[in-house]
Amino acid sequence: MPRGERHDLNLLVMPDGQPGDDFLCRIANALHDEFDIDHTTIRVETGEHPCVLSGHAAH
């Protein structure tokens, strides 16, 4: 599969909050190793408020 630009949104709600830098580093490494993704932006949400990107948030 040729390398190119791809944008996806996946949501993992973590009610207990930010799980720590080690967890985020492990995710980034797994995405690189499994899918050759060199840059990731990971945003942790607690589920307290709907994500504005989901289309379910009040405007």
PDB file of N, CA and C in Angstrom:
ATOM      1  N   MET A   1       0.852  -1.168   0.000  1.00  0.00           N
ATOM      2  CA  MET A   1       0.000   0.000   0.000  1.00  0.00           C
ATOM      3  C   MET A   1       0.897   1.230   0.000  1.00  0.00           C
ATOM      4  N   PRO A   2       0.717   2.140  -0.963  1.00  0.00           N
ATOM      5  CA  PRO A   2       1.559   3.338  -1.014  1.00  0.00           C
ATOM      6  C   PRO A   2       1.280   4.259   0.158  1.00  0.00           C
ATOM      7  N   ARG A   3       2.321   4.926   0.586  1.00  0.00           N
ATOM      8  CA  ARG A   3       2.171   5.879   1.688  1.00  0.00           C
ATOM      9  C   ARG A   3       1.478   7.119   1.164  1.00  0.00           C
ATOM     10  N   GLY A   4       0.631   7.675   1.960  1.00  0.00           N
ATOM     11  CA  GLY A   4      -0.073   8.883   1.572  1.00  0.00           C
ATOM     12  C   GLY A   4      -0.693   9.533   2.781  1.00  0.00           C
ATOM     13  N   GLU A   5      -1.441  10.553   2.512  1.00  0.00           N
ATOM     14  CA  GLU A   5      -2.088  11.271   3.601  1.00  0.00           C
ATOM     15  C   GLU A   5      -3.434  10.643   3.887  1.00  0.00           C
ATOM     16  N   ARG A   6      -3.694  10.416   5.168  1.00  0.00           N
ATOM     17  CA  ARG A   6      -4.963   9.813   5.568  1.00  0.00           C
ATOM     18  C   ARG A   6      -5.361  10.398   6.911  1.00  0.00           C
ATOM     19  N   HIS A   7      -6.618  10.708   7.028  1.00  0.00           N
ATOM     20  CA  HIS A   7      -7.116  11.280   8.274  1.00  0.00           C
ATOM     21  C   HIS A   7      -8.303  10.463   8.748  1.00  0.00           C
ATOM     22  N   ASP A   8      -8.217   9.961   9.944  1.00  0.00           N
ATOM     23  CA  ASP A   8      -9.307   9.204  10.549  1.00  0.00           C
ATOM     24  C   ASP A   8      -9.525   9.717  11.960  1.00  0.00           C
ATOM     25  N   LEU A   9     -10.738   9.556  12.437  1.00  0.00           N
ATOM     26  CA  LEU A   9     -11.065   9.899  13.813  1.00  0.00           C
ATOM     27  C   LEU A   9     -11.588   8.646  14.491  1.00  0.00           C
ATOM     28  N   ASN A  10     -10.936   8.261  15.538  1.00  0.00           N
ATOM     29  CA  ASN A  10     -11.391   7.146  16.354  1.00  0.00           C
ATOM     30  C   ASN A  10     -11.459   7.635  17.783  1.00  0.00           C
ATOM     31  N   LEU A  11     -12.479   7.225  18.493  1.00  0.00           N
ATOM     32  CA  LEU A  11     -12.701   7.730  19.837  1.00  0.00           C
ATOM     33  C   LEU A  11     -12.626   6.599  20.847  1.00  0.00           C
ATOM     34  N   LEU A  12     -11.800   6.796  21.846  1.00  0.00           N
ATOM     35  CA  LEU A  12     -11.713   5.883  22.967  1.00  0.00           C
ATOM     36  C   LEU A  12     -11.926   6.724  24.216  1.00  0.00           C
ATOM     37  N   VAL A  13     -13.065   6.559  24.854  1.00  0.00           N
ATOM     38  CA  VAL A  13     -13.379   7.339  26.056  1.00  0.00           C
ATOM     39  C   VAL A  13     -12.788   6.629  27.259  1.00  0.00           C
ATOM     40  N   MET A  14     -12.097   7.396  28.096  1.00  0.00           N
ATOM     41  CA  MET A  14     -11.461   6.851  29.294  1.00  0.00           C
ATOM     42  C   MET A  14     -12.020   7.597  30.498  1.00  0.00           C
ATOM     43  N   PRO A  15     -13.081   7.072  31.131  1.00  0.00           N
ATOM     44  CA  PRO A  15     -13.743   7.757  32.235  1.00  0.00           C
ATOM     45  C   PRO A  15     -12.830   8.099  33.406  1.00  0.00           C
ATOM     46  N   ASP A  16     -11.744   7.357  33.576  1.00  0.00           N
ATOM     47  CA  ASP A  16     -10.836   7.613  34.695  1.00  0.00           C
ATOM     48  C   ASP A  16      -9.810   8.690  34.384  1.00  0.00           C
ATOM     49  N   GLY A  17      -9.888   9.281  33.195  1.00  0.00           N
ATOM     50  CA  GLY A  17      -8.983  10.375  32.849  1.00  0.00           C
ATOM     51  C   GLY A  17      -7.724   9.914  32.141  1.00  0.00           C
ATOM     52  N   GLN A  18      -6.772  10.823  32.062  1.00  0.00           N
ATOM     53  CA  GLN A  18      -5.522  10.592  31.351  1.00  0.00           C
ATOM     54  C   GLN A  18      -4.770   9.432  31.993  1.00  0.00           C
ATOM     55  N   PRO A  19      -4.458   8.387  31.219  1.00  0.00           N
ATOM     56  CA  PRO A  19      -3.832   7.205  31.791  1.00  0.00           C
ATOM     57  C   PRO A  19      -2.323   7.322  31.989  1.00  0.00           C
ATOM     58  N   GLY A  20      -1.722   8.409  31.564  1.00  0.00           N
ATOM     59  CA  GLY A  20      -0.289   8.612  31.769  1.00  0.00           C
ATOM     60  C   GLY A  20       0.511   8.565  30.482  1.00  0.00           C
ATOM     61  N   ASP A  21       1.691   9.150  30.538  1.00  0.00           N
ATOM     62  CA  ASP A  21       2.552   9.242  29.368  1.00  0.00           C
ATOM     63  C   ASP A  21       2.996   7.879  28.853  1.00  0.00           C
ATOM     64  N   ASP A  22       3.237   6.933  29.744  1.00  0.00           N
ATOM     65  CA  ASP A  22       3.673   5.609  29.321  1.00  0.00           C
ATOM     66  C   ASP A  22       2.628   4.948  28.421  1.00  0.00           C
ATOM     67  N   PHE A  23       1.359   5.057  28.801  1.00  0.00           N
ATOM     68  CA  PHE A  23       0.267   4.506  28.002  1.00  0.00           C
ATOM     69  C   PHE A  23       0.225   5.149  26.616  1.00  0.00           C
ATOM     70  N   LEU A  24       0.315   6.483  26.577  1.00  0.00           N
ATOM     71  CA  LEU A  24       0.259   7.195  25.298  1.00  0.00           C
ATOM     72  C   LEU A  24       1.461   6.839  24.420  1.00  0.00           C
ATOM     73  N   CYS A  25       2.611   6.675  25.024  1.00  0.00           N
ATOM     74  CA  CYS A  25       3.808   6.288  24.279  1.00  0.00           C
ATOM     75  C   CYS A  25       3.659   4.880  23.702  1.00  0.00           C
ATOM     76  N   ARG A  26       3.091   3.959  24.488  1.00  0.00           N
ATOM     77  CA  ARG A  26       2.862   2.592  23.999  1.00  0.00           C
ATOM     78  C   ARG A  26       1.898   2.585  22.818  1.00  0.00           C
ATOM     79  N   ILE A  27       0.860   3.426  22.872  1.00  0.00           N
ATOM     80  CA  ILE A  27      -0.077   3.504  21.740  1.00  0.00           C
ATOM     81  C   ILE A  27       0.629   4.027  20.495  1.00  0.00           C
ATOM     82  N   ALA A  28       1.392   5.107  20.649  1.00  0.00           N
ATOM     83  CA  ALA A  28       2.115   5.680  19.504  1.00  0.00           C
ATOM     84  C   ALA A  28       3.083   4.655  18.908  1.00  0.00           C
ATOM     85  N   ASN A  29       3.795   3.932  19.748  1.00  0.00           N
ATOM     86  CA  ASN A  29       4.721   2.911  19.254  1.00  0.00           C
ATOM     87  C   ASN A  29       3.991   1.782  18.538  1.00  0.00           C
ATOM     88  N   ALA A  30       2.855   1.343  19.075  1.00  0.00           N
ATOM     89  CA  ALA A  30       2.083   0.274  18.434  1.00  0.00           C
ATOM     90  C   ALA A  30       1.555   0.724  17.074  1.00  0.00           C
ATOM     91  N   LEU A  31       1.078   1.968  16.978  1.00  0.00           N
ATOM     92  CA  LEU A  31       0.586   2.476  15.694  1.00  0.00           C
ATOM     93  C   LEU A  31       1.714   2.550  14.668  1.00  0.00           C
ATOM     94  N   HIS A  32       2.903   2.910  15.138  1.00  0.00           N
ATOM     95  CA  HIS A  32       4.052   2.948  14.228  1.00  0.00           C
ATOM     96  C   HIS A  32       4.434   1.536  13.783  1.00  0.00           C
ATOM     97  N   ASP A  33       4.543   0.624  14.744  1.00  0.00           N
ATOM     98  CA  ASP A  33       4.989  -0.734  14.433  1.00  0.00           C
ATOM     99  C   ASP A  33       3.982  -1.501  13.587  1.00  0.00           C
ATOM    100  N   GLU A  34       2.703  -1.352  13.890  1.00  0.00           N
ATOM    101  CA  GLU A  34       1.665  -2.128  13.193  1.00  0.00           C
ATOM    102  C   GLU A  34       1.219  -1.503  11.873  1.00  0.00           C
ATOM    103  N   PHE A  35       1.219  -0.159  11.804  1.00  0.00           N
ATOM    104  CA  PHE A  35       0.626   0.507  10.637  1.00  0.00           C
ATOM    105  C   PHE A  35       1.544   1.521   9.972  1.00  0.00           C
ATOM    106  N   ASP A  36       2.803   1.618  10.432  1.00  0.00           N
ATOM    107  CA  ASP A  36       3.779   2.541   9.865  1.00  0.00           C
ATOM    108  C   ASP A  36       3.316   3.995   9.949  1.00  0.00           C
ATOM    109  N   ILE A  37       2.611   4.328  11.027  1.00  0.00           N
ATOM    110  CA  ILE A  37       2.155   5.701  11.254  1.00  0.00           C
ATOM    111  C   ILE A  37       3.245   6.409  12.047  1.00  0.00           C
ATOM    112  N   ASP A  38       3.803   7.462  11.452  1.00  0.00           N
ATOM    113  CA  ASP A  38       4.928   8.153  12.070  1.00  0.00           C
ATOM    114  C   ASP A  38       4.520   9.278  13.013  1.00  0.00           C
ATOM    115  N   HIS A  39       3.327   9.794  12.883  1.00  0.00           N
ATOM    116  CA  HIS A  39       2.889  10.896  13.742  1.00  0.00           C
ATOM    117  C   HIS A  39       1.465  10.634  14.207  1.00  0.00           C
ATOM    118  N   THR A  40       1.250  10.712  15.494  1.00  0.00           N
ATOM    119  CA  THR A  40      -0.090  10.529  16.037  1.00  0.00           C
ATOM    120  C   THR A  40      -0.428  11.694  16.962  1.00  0.00           C
ATOM    121  N   THR A  41      -1.683  12.031  16.990  1.00  0.00           N
ATOM    122  CA  THR A  41      -2.202  12.973  17.970  1.00  0.00           C
ATOM    123  C   THR A  41      -3.287  12.234  18.731  1.00  0.00           C
ATOM    124  N   ILE A  42      -3.084  12.070  20.010  1.00  0.00           N
ATOM    125  CA  ILE A  42      -4.021  11.304  20.825  1.00  0.00           C
ATOM    126  C   ILE A  42      -4.621  12.241  21.857  1.00  0.00           C
ATOM    127  N   ARG A  43      -5.937  12.318  21.852  1.00  0.00           N
ATOM    128  CA  ARG A  43      -6.642  13.176  22.802  1.00  0.00           C
ATOM    129  C   ARG A  43      -7.481  12.285  23.698  1.00  0.00           C
ATOM    130  N   VAL A  44      -7.263  12.378  24.983  1.00  0.00           N
ATOM    131  CA  VAL A  44      -8.005  11.569  25.949  1.00  0.00           C
ATOM    132  C   VAL A  44      -9.224  12.359  26.404  1.00  0.00           C
ATOM    133  N   GLU A  45     -10.384  11.720  26.337  1.00  0.00           N
ATOM    134  CA  GLU A  45     -11.626  12.318  26.808  1.00  0.00           C
ATOM    135  C   GLU A  45     -12.202  11.446  27.909  1.00  0.00           C
ATOM    136  N   THR A  46     -12.878  12.072  28.850  1.00  0.00           N
ATOM    137  CA  THR A  46     -13.454  11.335  29.971  1.00  0.00           C
ATOM    138  C   THR A  46     -14.899  10.921  29.727  1.00  0.00           C
ATOM    139  N   GLY A  47     -15.531  11.451  28.690  1.00  0.00           N
ATOM    140  CA  GLY A  47     -16.927  11.143  28.411  1.00  0.00           C
ATOM    141  C   GLY A  47     -17.893  12.039  29.151  1.00  0.00           C
ATOM    142  N   GLU A  48     -17.358  12.972  29.928  1.00  0.00           N
ATOM    143  CA  GLU A  48     -18.198  13.899  30.685  1.00  0.00           C
ATOM    144  C   GLU A  48     -19.007  14.812  29.752  1.00  0.00           C
ATOM    145  N   HIS A  49     -18.395  15.209  28.648  1.00  0.00           N
ATOM    146  CA  HIS A  49     -19.057  16.053  27.656  1.00  0.00           C
ATOM    147  C   HIS A  49     -18.886  15.410  26.288  1.00  0.00           C
ATOM    148  N   PRO A  50     -19.915  15.457  25.431  1.00  0.00           N
ATOM    149  CA  PRO A  50     -19.769  14.873  24.097  1.00  0.00           C
ATOM    150  C   PRO A  50     -18.681  15.602  23.292  1.00  0.00           C
ATOM    151  N   CYS A  51     -17.932  14.854  22.526  1.00  0.00           N
ATOM    152  CA  CYS A  51     -16.892  15.419  21.667  1.00  0.00           C
ATOM    153  C   CYS A  51     -17.550  16.237  20.571  1.00  0.00           C
ATOM    154  N   VAL A  52     -17.065  17.451  20.345  1.00  0.00           N
ATOM    155  CA  VAL A  52     -17.653  18.309  19.306  1.00  0.00           C
ATOM    156  C   VAL A  52     -17.438  17.711  17.922  1.00  0.00           C
ATOM    157  N   LEU A  53     -16.437  16.858  17.751  1.00  0.00           N
ATOM    158  CA  LEU A  53     -16.186  16.249  16.456  1.00  0.00           C
ATOM    159  C   LEU A  53     -17.114  15.079  16.160  1.00  0.00           C
ATOM    160  N   SER A  54     -17.816  14.587  17.172  1.00  0.00           N
ATOM    161  CA  SER A  54     -18.676  13.421  16.988  1.00  0.00           C
ATOM    162  C   SER A  54     -19.997  13.756  16.326  1.00  0.00           C
ATOM    163  N   GLY A  55     -20.369  15.033  16.347  1.00  0.00           N
ATOM    164  CA  GLY A  55     -21.658  15.433  15.803  1.00  0.00           C
ATOM    165  C   GLY A  55     -22.778  15.330  16.813  1.00  0.00           C
ATOM    166  N   HIS A  56     -22.463  14.936  18.052  1.00  0.00           N
ATOM    167  CA  HIS A  56     -23.484  14.774  19.084  1.00  0.00           C
ATOM    168  C   HIS A  56     -23.468  15.889  20.116  1.00  0.00           C
ATOM    169  N   ALA A  57     -22.554  16.822  19.979  1.00  0.00           N
ATOM    170  CA  ALA A  57     -22.447  17.908  20.958  1.00  0.00           C
ATOM    171  C   ALA A  57     -23.432  19.023  20.630  1.00  0.00           C
ATOM    172  N   ALA A  58     -23.913  19.683  21.658  1.00  0.00           N
ATOM    173  CA  ALA A  58     -24.802  20.836  21.459  1.00  0.00           C
ATOM    174  C   ALA A  58     -23.977  21.999  20.928  1.00  0.00           C
ATOM    175  N   HIS A  59     -24.570  22.746  20.023  1.00  0.00           N
ATOM    176  CA  HIS A  59     -23.853  23.896  19.434  1.00  0.00           C
ATOM    177  C   HIS A  59     -24.292  25.178  20.089  1.00  0.00           C
TER     178      HIS A  59
END
